[in-house]
Amino acid sequence: MHILVINGPNMNLLGIRQPEIYGKETYEDLKALVQAEADALGVRVSFFQSNHEGALVDTIQQAYFDGVDGIVINPAAYTHTSVALLDAVKAVGLPTVEVHVSDPDQREAFRRVSYIRTACVATIRGHGLLGYVEALRLLCDRK
């Protein structure tokens, strides 16, 4: 099984960006946490992060052709704005879990809107970096 973990804008600044909201752990810490869980589960995991919407869309589309079995995605700010990401996830038909480090529903009103959510099999929010581990397990349990 191969799971692709996609992170959107500013997620590369974990540990720097608003640590009171996102914590002090870095993007490298996140990757190490997910990789350790993937190793324990016996699954392959790949990572992609971009601040550019088109690159995220391209990566979702390529996942289909690369034989990826599921996607964990934190679209970050594109959660609230991107129909393109929604359409890409719908187009490829891969089981996708939306993840957010913080709980957008407990933040500003505009963050409560998620365009991508309707194309996802689940949403995990407000569990910190462990939300990614939960998402990985959820996709593994689906197989």
Protein backbone atom coordinates (compact mmCIF):
# COMPACT_ATOMS: atom_id res chain seq x y z
CA MET A 1 0.00 0.00 0.00
CA HIS A 2 1.22 3.48 -0.89
CA ILE A 3 -0.09 6.63 0.83
CA LEU A 4 0.74 10.13 -0.35
CA VAL A 5 0.82 12.92 2.25
CA ILE A 6 0.23 16.34 0.71
CA ASN A 7 0.65 19.64 2.55
CA GLY A 8 -0.35 23.04 1.27
CA PRO A 9 0.88 26.58 1.81
CA ASN A 10 2.98 27.49 4.81
CA MET A 11 3.04 23.97 6.23
CA ASN A 12 6.79 23.96 5.56
CA LEU A 13 6.97 26.62 8.31
CA LEU A 14 5.64 24.39 11.08
CA GLY A 15 7.46 25.21 14.29
CA ILE A 16 7.97 28.80 13.15
CA ARG A 17 4.49 29.80 12.05
CA GLN A 18 2.17 30.69 14.94
CA PRO A 19 3.46 28.05 17.37
CA GLU A 20 0.61 28.92 19.75
CA ILE A 21 -1.76 27.45 17.14
CA TYR A 22 0.34 24.90 15.24
CA GLY A 23 2.86 23.87 17.91
CA LYS A 24 6.63 23.90 17.96
CA GLU A 25 7.22 20.71 16.00
CA THR A 26 8.69 21.23 12.53
CA TYR A 27 7.69 19.94 9.11
CA GLU A 28 10.62 17.50 9.37
CA ASP A 29 9.22 16.31 12.72
CA LEU A 30 5.87 15.72 11.00
CA LYS A 31 7.47 13.69 8.24
CA ALA A 32 9.45 11.61 10.76
CA LEU A 33 6.30 10.92 12.81
CA VAL A 34 4.32 9.80 9.76
CA GLN A 35 7.21 7.75 8.38
CA ALA A 36 7.61 5.91 11.71
CA GLU A 37 3.90 5.03 11.71
CA ALA A 38 4.03 3.96 8.07
CA ASP A 39 6.98 1.70 8.86
CA ALA A 40 5.07 0.18 11.78
CA LEU A 41 2.05 -0.41 9.54
CA GLY A 42 4.16 -1.79 6.70
CA VAL A 43 3.03 0.79 4.16
CA ARG A 44 4.93 3.06 1.82
CA VAL A 45 4.51 6.79 2.36
CA SER A 46 5.54 9.72 0.19
CA PHE A 47 5.45 13.43 1.02
CA PHE A 48 4.78 16.55 -1.00
CA GLN A 49 4.47 20.16 0.12
CA SER A 50 3.91 23.24 -1.97
CA ASN A 51 2.76 26.80 -1.58
CA HIS A 52 1.37 26.68 -5.13
CA GLU A 53 -2.15 25.49 -5.89
CA GLY A 54 -1.33 24.18 -9.37
CA ALA A 55 1.55 22.06 -8.03
CA LEU A 56 -0.85 20.50 -5.52
CA VAL A 57 -3.36 19.74 -8.29
CA ASP A 58 -0.61 18.23 -10.46
CA THR A 59 0.53 16.04 -7.56
CA ILE A 60 -3.00 14.76 -6.89
CA GLN A 61 -3.43 13.91 -10.56
CA GLN A 62 -0.03 12.20 -10.75
CA ALA A 63 -0.92 10.10 -7.70
CA TYR A 64 -3.51 8.31 -9.82
CA PHE A 65 -0.96 7.37 -12.48
CA ASP A 66 1.65 6.40 -9.87
CA GLY A 67 -0.64 3.80 -8.28
CA VAL A 68 -1.09 5.62 -4.97
CA ASP A 69 -3.73 3.90 -2.82
CA GLY A 70 -4.79 6.89 -0.72
CA ILE A 71 -4.06 10.52 0.05
CA VAL A 72 -3.71 12.40 3.32
CA ILE A 73 -4.07 16.09 2.55
CA ASN A 74 -3.77 19.26 4.54
CA PRO A 75 -4.72 21.88 1.97
CA ALA A 76 -4.01 24.61 4.55
CA ALA A 77 -5.34 27.97 3.33
CA TYR A 78 -6.54 26.36 0.08
CA THR A 79 -9.09 24.46 2.16
CA HIS A 80 -11.25 27.56 2.14
CA THR A 81 -10.70 28.70 -1.44
CA SER A 82 -9.82 25.91 -3.84
CA VAL A 83 -12.41 24.33 -6.06
CA ALA A 84 -9.44 23.10 -8.13
CA LEU A 85 -8.25 20.82 -5.30
CA LEU A 86 -11.79 19.53 -4.81
CA ASP A 87 -12.10 18.76 -8.51
CA ALA A 88 -8.69 17.03 -8.59
CA VAL A 89 -9.56 14.74 -5.67
CA LYS A 90 -12.92 13.93 -7.26
CA ALA A 91 -11.28 13.29 -10.63
CA VAL A 92 -8.77 10.72 -9.38
CA GLY A 93 -11.21 8.95 -7.07
CA LEU A 94 -8.56 7.98 -4.52
CA PRO A 95 -9.65 7.70 -0.88
CA THR A 96 -8.56 10.98 0.68
CA VAL A 97 -8.50 12.16 4.28
CA GLU A 98 -8.49 15.90 5.01
CA VAL A 99 -6.29 16.81 7.99
CA HIS A 100 -5.82 20.04 9.92
CA VAL A 101 -3.37 20.54 12.79
CA SER A 102 -5.68 23.07 14.45
CA ASP A 103 -9.47 22.94 14.46
CA PRO A 104 -10.66 25.39 11.80
CA ASP A 105 -14.17 25.25 13.25
CA GLN A 106 -12.83 26.91 16.42
CA ARG A 107 -11.10 29.72 14.55
CA GLU A 108 -12.19 32.58 12.28
CA ALA A 109 -15.54 32.13 10.52
CA PHE A 110 -13.99 31.93 7.04
CA ARG A 111 -11.95 28.89 8.12
CA ARG A 112 -15.11 26.88 8.77
CA VAL A 113 -15.64 26.45 5.02
CA SER A 114 -13.90 23.50 3.40
CA TYR A 115 -14.33 23.04 -0.32
CA ILE A 116 -12.39 19.77 -0.39
CA ARG A 117 -14.30 18.08 2.43
CA THR A 118 -17.09 16.71 0.22
CA ALA A 119 -14.56 14.68 -1.77
CA CYS A 120 -12.90 13.19 1.33
CA VAL A 121 -13.74 9.98 3.19
CA ALA A 122 -12.99 11.69 6.52
CA THR A 123 -11.77 14.89 8.12
CA ILE A 124 -9.48 14.99 11.15
CA ARG A 125 -8.99 18.37 12.79
CA GLY A 126 -7.52 19.73 15.96
CA HIS A 127 -5.41 16.69 16.86
CA GLY A 128 -2.07 18.31 16.11
CA LEU A 129 0.45 16.31 14.13
CA LEU A 130 -1.10 13.10 15.45
CA GLY A 131 -4.03 13.79 13.12
CA TYR A 132 -1.80 12.66 10.26
CA VAL A 133 -1.13 9.36 12.04
CA GLU A 134 -4.88 8.90 12.53
CA ALA A 135 -5.46 9.60 8.85
CA LEU A 136 -2.80 7.09 7.82
CA ARG A 137 -4.36 4.42 10.04
CA LEU A 138 -7.83 5.21 8.71
CA LEU A 139 -6.70 4.70 5.12
CA CYS A 140 -4.90 1.46 6.03
CA ASP A 141 -8.00 0.14 7.77
CA ARG A 142 -10.03 0.75 4.60
CA LYS A 143 -8.00 -1.81 2.61
